[in-house]
Protein backbone atom coordinates (compact mmCIF):
# COMPACT_ATOMS: atom_id res chain seq x y z
CA MET A 1 -66.23 -98.98 125.18
CA THR A 2 -69.67 -98.09 126.98
CA LYS A 3 -72.35 -100.48 126.42
CA PRO A 4 -74.61 -99.26 123.65
CA ASP A 5 -78.42 -99.24 123.26
CA LEU A 6 -78.96 -102.96 122.12
CA ALA A 7 -81.81 -101.91 119.70
CA MET A 8 -79.13 -100.15 117.56
CA LYS A 9 -76.33 -101.71 116.07
CA PRO A 10 -73.20 -99.97 116.70
CA LYS A 11 -71.39 -98.40 113.60
CA LEU A 12 -67.72 -100.08 113.33
CA SER A 13 -65.63 -97.08 111.98
CA THR A 14 -62.57 -97.48 114.04
CA ILE A 15 -59.94 -99.99 114.53
CA SER A 16 -57.53 -99.18 117.67
CA PHE A 17 -54.15 -100.85 116.95
CA LEU A 18 -51.58 -101.84 119.45
CA THR A 19 -48.46 -104.29 118.48
CA ASP A 20 -44.95 -104.83 119.42
CA TYR A 21 -43.80 -104.41 115.88
CA GLY A 22 -42.11 -101.20 116.59
CA LEU A 23 -41.71 -98.58 113.78
CA LYS A 24 -38.11 -99.48 112.18
CA ASP A 25 -39.62 -102.13 109.99
CA GLU A 26 -42.42 -102.09 107.60
CA PHE A 27 -44.93 -104.46 109.86
CA VAL A 28 -47.23 -101.57 111.01
CA GLY A 29 -47.50 -99.98 107.42
CA VAL A 30 -48.22 -103.15 105.79
CA VAL A 31 -50.98 -103.92 108.15
CA LYS A 32 -52.49 -100.63 107.83
CA SER A 33 -52.43 -100.96 104.22
CA VAL A 34 -54.04 -104.45 104.22
CA ILE A 35 -57.02 -102.65 106.44
CA ARG A 36 -57.33 -99.73 103.92
CA THR A 37 -57.45 -102.00 100.95
CA ILE A 38 -60.35 -104.04 102.20
CA ALA A 39 -62.03 -101.01 104.28
CA PRO A 40 -60.87 -97.86 102.90
CA ASP A 41 -63.33 -95.68 105.07
CA ILE A 42 -62.02 -97.29 108.38
CA ALA A 43 -60.03 -94.90 110.90
CA VAL A 44 -56.93 -96.65 112.43
CA ILE A 45 -55.85 -95.19 115.70
CA ASP A 46 -52.46 -96.32 116.94
CA ILE A 47 -52.35 -97.08 120.50
CA SER A 48 -48.87 -98.12 120.64
CA HIS A 49 -46.22 -100.15 118.58
CA ASP A 50 -43.49 -99.79 121.20
CA ILE A 51 -44.65 -102.66 123.50
CA GLU A 52 -41.31 -104.70 124.26
CA PRO A 53 -41.07 -107.55 121.85
CA HIS A 54 -42.99 -110.55 123.12
CA ASP A 55 -44.35 -108.84 126.28
CA ILE A 56 -47.74 -110.12 126.58
CA ARG A 57 -48.02 -108.70 129.97
CA ALA A 58 -47.05 -105.18 129.07
CA GLY A 59 -49.35 -105.03 126.11
CA GLY A 60 -52.38 -106.35 128.08
CA LEU A 61 -51.78 -103.73 130.81
CA ALA A 62 -51.30 -101.06 128.07
CA LEU A 63 -54.88 -101.98 126.45
CA ALA A 64 -56.40 -102.43 130.13
CA ARG A 65 -55.24 -98.53 130.59
CA ALA A 66 -56.46 -97.45 127.26
CA VAL A 67 -59.65 -99.46 127.05
CA GLN A 68 -62.10 -97.09 128.62
CA TYR A 69 -61.10 -94.32 126.37
CA MET A 70 -61.06 -95.96 123.11
CA ALA A 71 -63.63 -95.28 120.32
CA PRO A 72 -66.23 -98.07 119.71
CA GLY A 73 -65.31 -100.53 117.23
CA VAL A 74 -62.43 -103.08 117.02
CA VAL A 75 -59.35 -103.39 118.95
CA LEU A 76 -56.44 -105.14 116.87
CA GLY A 77 -53.93 -106.48 119.07
CA VAL A 78 -50.95 -108.26 118.04
CA VAL A 79 -48.07 -109.28 120.69
CA ASP A 80 -47.82 -112.76 119.68
CA PRO A 81 -44.72 -114.83 120.54
CA GLY A 82 -46.73 -118.06 119.77
CA VAL A 83 -47.39 -117.22 116.03
CA ALA A 84 -47.42 -120.50 114.02
CA THR A 85 -47.88 -122.63 117.03
CA ASN A 86 -51.39 -124.24 117.98
CA ARG A 87 -52.37 -121.09 120.03
CA LYS A 88 -55.73 -119.80 118.64
CA ALA A 89 -56.51 -116.82 116.64
CA VAL A 90 -59.79 -115.25 118.14
CA ALA A 91 -62.26 -112.53 117.82
CA ILE A 92 -63.87 -111.64 121.29
CA GLU A 93 -67.12 -109.83 121.44
CA VAL A 94 -67.68 -107.38 124.29
CA ALA A 95 -70.96 -105.58 125.53
CA ASP A 96 -72.91 -107.56 123.27
CA GLY A 97 -71.36 -106.15 120.11
CA ALA A 98 -70.26 -102.59 121.25
CA ALA A 99 -66.59 -103.69 120.48
CA TYR A 100 -64.73 -106.59 119.56
CA LEU A 101 -60.93 -107.56 120.25
CA ILE A 102 -59.01 -109.62 117.69
CA GLY A 103 -55.83 -111.08 117.85
CA PRO A 104 -54.02 -114.15 119.53
CA ASP A 105 -55.46 -115.79 122.38
CA ASN A 106 -52.57 -115.87 124.72
CA GLY A 107 -53.95 -113.65 127.64
CA LEU A 108 -53.37 -110.32 125.78
CA PHE A 109 -56.90 -109.15 125.78
CA ALA A 110 -57.86 -110.65 129.26
CA PRO A 111 -57.42 -107.52 131.44
CA ALA A 112 -59.18 -105.03 128.91
CA VAL A 113 -61.99 -107.70 128.49
CA SER A 114 -62.41 -107.72 132.29
CA LEU A 115 -62.71 -103.94 132.54
CA VAL A 116 -65.50 -103.84 130.24
CA GLY A 117 -67.52 -106.34 131.99
CA GLY A 118 -66.32 -109.74 130.43
CA ALA A 119 -66.74 -111.25 127.00
CA THR A 120 -70.12 -111.82 125.40
CA GLY A 121 -69.08 -114.14 122.73
CA ALA A 122 -66.01 -115.35 120.88
CA VAL A 123 -64.93 -117.13 117.68
CA ILE A 124 -61.88 -118.99 116.59
CA LEU A 125 -60.81 -117.19 113.16
CA ASP A 126 -60.61 -120.40 111.17
CA ASN A 127 -62.92 -119.33 108.23
CA THR A 128 -60.12 -118.54 105.88
CA ASP A 129 -62.47 -116.79 103.58
CA TYR A 130 -61.77 -113.69 105.26
CA HIS A 131 -57.83 -114.16 105.43
CA LEU A 132 -55.08 -113.23 103.11
CA ALA A 133 -53.17 -116.01 101.14
CA ALA A 134 -50.07 -116.31 103.22
CA PRO A 135 -46.72 -117.02 101.87
CA GLY A 136 -45.49 -118.25 105.41
CA PRO A 137 -47.24 -118.73 108.78
CA THR A 138 -45.45 -116.17 110.92
CA PHE A 139 -47.25 -113.00 110.18
CA ASP A 140 -50.96 -113.34 111.08
CA GLY A 141 -51.07 -109.74 111.81
CA ARG A 142 -51.11 -109.10 108.20
CA ASP A 143 -52.77 -112.44 106.76
CA VAL A 144 -55.33 -113.14 109.57
CA PHE A 145 -56.16 -110.38 112.00
CA ALA A 146 -55.94 -107.23 109.89
CA PRO A 147 -58.20 -108.69 107.09
CA VAL A 148 -60.70 -109.98 109.70
CA ALA A 149 -60.88 -106.79 111.55
CA ALA A 150 -61.42 -104.82 108.23
CA HIS A 151 -64.16 -107.43 107.32
CA LEU A 152 -65.88 -106.97 110.36
CA CYS A 153 -65.99 -103.30 110.31
CA SER A 154 -67.34 -103.66 106.81
CA GLY A 155 -70.30 -105.37 107.88
CA VAL A 156 -69.44 -109.37 108.02
CA PRO A 157 -71.51 -110.80 110.79
CA PHE A 158 -69.49 -111.86 113.70
CA ALA A 159 -70.50 -115.35 113.59
CA GLU A 160 -69.34 -115.98 110.24
CA LEU A 161 -65.73 -115.28 111.15
CA GLY A 162 -64.99 -118.88 112.35
CA THR A 163 -65.91 -121.59 114.95
CA GLN A 164 -68.06 -120.23 118.00
CA MET A 165 -66.35 -120.99 121.31
CA ASP A 166 -67.15 -120.54 124.90
CA PRO A 167 -65.62 -117.20 126.11
CA ALA A 168 -64.73 -119.09 129.40
CA GLY A 169 -61.99 -121.00 127.31
CA LEU A 170 -60.11 -117.86 126.48
CA VAL A 171 -56.64 -117.75 128.08
CA PRO A 172 -56.78 -115.77 131.02
CA GLY A 173 -54.24 -112.95 131.92
CA ILE A 174 -52.23 -112.99 134.92
CA LEU A 175 -51.87 -109.82 137.04
CA PRO A 176 -50.12 -109.21 140.08
CA VAL A 177 -51.97 -108.45 143.30
CA SER A 178 -50.41 -106.51 146.11
CA GLN A 179 -50.12 -108.24 149.42
CA VAL A 180 -50.93 -106.88 152.93
CA ALA A 181 -48.63 -108.08 155.55
CA ASP A 182 -49.50 -108.64 159.21
CA ASP A 183 -47.62 -105.16 160.08
CA GLY A 184 -49.82 -103.61 157.76
CA SER A 185 -47.02 -103.00 155.14
CA ILE A 186 -47.80 -103.64 151.38
CA THR A 187 -45.88 -105.68 148.99
CA ALA A 188 -46.43 -103.96 145.58
CA GLU A 189 -45.21 -104.53 142.07
CA VAL A 190 -44.28 -101.88 139.51
CA LEU A 191 -46.92 -102.45 136.65
CA TRP A 192 -45.65 -99.82 134.30
CA VAL A 193 -42.85 -97.33 133.79
CA ASP A 194 -43.89 -94.66 131.61
CA ARG A 195 -41.47 -92.55 129.33
CA PHE A 196 -40.96 -89.99 132.37
CA GLY A 197 -39.80 -92.71 134.81
CA ASN A 198 -42.94 -92.62 136.77
CA LEU A 199 -43.67 -96.01 138.71
CA GLN A 200 -47.21 -97.11 138.60
CA LEU A 201 -47.94 -99.55 141.25
CA ASN A 202 -50.88 -102.27 141.76
CA VAL A 203 -52.00 -100.30 144.72
CA ASP A 204 -55.52 -98.83 145.04
CA PRO A 205 -55.51 -95.50 146.59
CA GLU A 206 -57.97 -96.78 149.27
CA ASP A 207 -55.10 -99.34 150.39
CA ILE A 208 -53.12 -96.50 152.01
CA GLU A 209 -56.01 -94.09 152.66
CA VAL A 210 -55.66 -94.41 156.28
CA TRP A 211 -51.72 -93.59 156.29
CA GLY A 212 -50.37 -90.15 156.99
CA GLU A 213 -48.52 -87.84 154.83
CA PHE A 214 -45.25 -89.83 154.44
CA ILE A 215 -44.75 -93.25 153.16
CA GLN A 216 -41.39 -95.40 153.26
CA VAL A 217 -40.56 -97.13 150.19
CA GLU A 218 -38.12 -100.05 150.42
CA GLY A 219 -36.78 -101.91 147.40
CA GLY A 220 -34.74 -101.36 144.34
CA ARG A 221 -31.54 -99.46 145.12
CA ALA A 222 -32.56 -97.55 148.30
CA THR A 223 -35.09 -96.90 151.15
CA ARG A 224 -36.67 -93.75 150.55
CA THR A 225 -39.34 -91.68 152.55
CA ALA A 226 -42.02 -90.43 150.02
CA LYS A 227 -44.43 -87.61 150.40
CA ARG A 228 -48.01 -87.76 149.28
CA VAL A 229 -48.68 -85.02 146.75
CA VAL A 230 -51.14 -84.01 144.21
CA SER A 231 -48.85 -82.46 141.46
CA PHE A 232 -45.36 -83.23 140.24
CA ALA A 233 -44.33 -79.73 141.14
CA ASP A 234 -45.42 -80.43 144.83
CA ILE A 235 -42.65 -83.23 145.36
CA GLY A 236 -39.45 -80.92 145.59
CA THR A 237 -36.08 -81.32 144.34
CA GLY A 238 -34.26 -84.64 145.21
CA SER A 239 -37.58 -86.18 146.64
CA VAL A 240 -39.71 -88.68 145.92
CA GLY A 241 -43.52 -88.52 145.64
CA VAL A 242 -46.67 -90.61 146.06
CA ILE A 243 -49.15 -89.46 143.77
CA ILE A 244 -52.49 -90.86 142.19
CA ASP A 245 -51.65 -91.25 138.61
CA SER A 246 -54.07 -90.47 135.60
CA TYR A 247 -55.58 -94.02 135.86
CA GLY A 248 -56.47 -93.89 139.40
CA LEU A 249 -53.70 -95.98 140.82
CA VAL A 250 -50.75 -95.12 143.16
CA ALA A 251 -47.70 -94.24 141.59
CA LEU A 252 -44.19 -93.15 142.65
CA ALA A 253 -42.71 -89.94 140.79
CA VAL A 254 -39.66 -87.45 141.02
CA ASP A 255 -40.28 -83.87 139.80
CA GLN A 256 -38.79 -83.64 136.30
CA GLY A 257 -36.47 -86.94 137.14
CA SER A 258 -37.20 -90.18 136.73
CA ALA A 259 -38.50 -92.61 139.90
CA ALA A 260 -37.48 -95.41 138.07
CA MET A 261 -33.80 -94.17 138.32
CA GLU A 262 -33.89 -92.96 141.70
CA LEU A 263 -35.19 -96.16 142.92
CA ALA A 264 -33.42 -98.62 140.25
CA ALA A 265 -36.91 -100.20 139.67
CA GLN A 266 -38.21 -101.52 136.59
CA GLU A 267 -41.63 -103.18 135.41
CA GLY A 268 -41.89 -106.15 137.64
CA SER A 269 -39.92 -104.97 140.61
CA GLN A 270 -41.15 -105.45 144.01
CA LEU A 271 -41.51 -102.57 146.43
CA THR A 272 -42.49 -102.46 149.89
CA LEU A 273 -44.67 -99.46 151.18
CA ARG A 274 -45.22 -98.80 154.99
CA GLU A 275 -46.41 -95.69 156.92
CA ALA A 276 -43.72 -93.47 158.04
CA ASP A 277 -43.65 -91.05 160.90
CA GLY A 278 -42.09 -88.16 159.17
CA PRO A 279 -39.76 -86.75 156.42
CA GLN A 280 -36.93 -88.67 157.70
CA GLY A 281 -35.22 -91.22 155.51
CA ALA A 282 -32.73 -89.81 153.55
CA PRO A 283 -31.09 -92.11 150.67
CA SER A 284 -29.70 -95.06 152.27
CA PRO A 285 -25.95 -95.54 151.57
CA VAL A 286 -25.35 -97.10 148.05
CA SER A 287 -21.91 -99.35 147.75
CA ILE A 288 -20.54 -98.58 144.35
CA GLN A 289 -17.81 -100.76 143.09
CA THR A 290 -15.66 -98.84 140.77
CA LYS A 291 -12.63 -100.06 138.76
CA PRO A 292 -9.26 -98.93 139.95
CA THR A 293 -7.70 -96.35 137.23
CA THR A 294 -4.19 -95.92 136.80
CA ILE A 295 -3.22 -92.25 136.22
CA PRO A 296 0.26 -92.00 133.92
CA PRO A 297 2.83 -89.75 135.51
CA VAL A 298 2.94 -86.24 133.89
CA ASN A 299 5.88 -85.62 131.53
CA PRO A 300 7.84 -82.48 133.22
CA GLU A 301 8.62 -81.17 129.71
CA LEU A 302 4.87 -80.69 128.98
CA LEU A 303 4.70 -78.60 131.71
CA GLU A 304 7.83 -76.44 131.01
CA GLY A 305 6.15 -75.87 127.44
CA GLY A 306 3.17 -74.31 128.79
CA GLN A 307 0.60 -76.50 126.95
């Protein structure tokens, strides 16, 4: 979403689509069909539909990770636990019309908007001329957001979509910030666990730049000493590595394994990082409670029978 030459109006030929709908039900297909009916030449790119249900934070972080790589056009985002309430339906303009974000005003778009320089305009989607007639009020993805996105791509002026609002009135996103203690340790939060079990942290590489090769990680199930590495293959069997991930943040990883499982951490978990002197720090003992099992006695006749 780079800022365009303002002398030229950008061609809105792409809708980038993110939801918590999943793929089991028909929701994604129905929304795409609505878009195609109104704007058959528009390309729809699926960012993800596997955001956990109602998880605005995860949806916002996914958009923030993806936004700098999206094609110019419209971002259609629907993670909307407040559907059918008084939360606003909005379209947000960024970079003076380089792109637009359409969906609920619940903080979902705030991280991505911030990364591209902030909003340059916003409207409340209250012009029903660009909506579908709704049998019920609980599917705004189909009845409001999709048709508005398609009409906008088809040339309907942004200002006609509804009532103008001050972008400063949009619901802000809440992103965790890492904390540096007096002893130099960093309390970090797991922002994201990808499907490989890598733990992305809210830690900038500059925050640990002066530390040595080894970093102690405390939290979750164990205290481990992790080694700075460049690639997953450099980590070594049974070890945890500290790597700069593809989005430029500090992450914890296990080669061909799951750091999330190794550290019993998940999105939102807090971990403490501190500089370590060396590669000491095998996994701390873990107490595992098991249910006693009674083994029945063996029938001697079975042994005699040889089976």
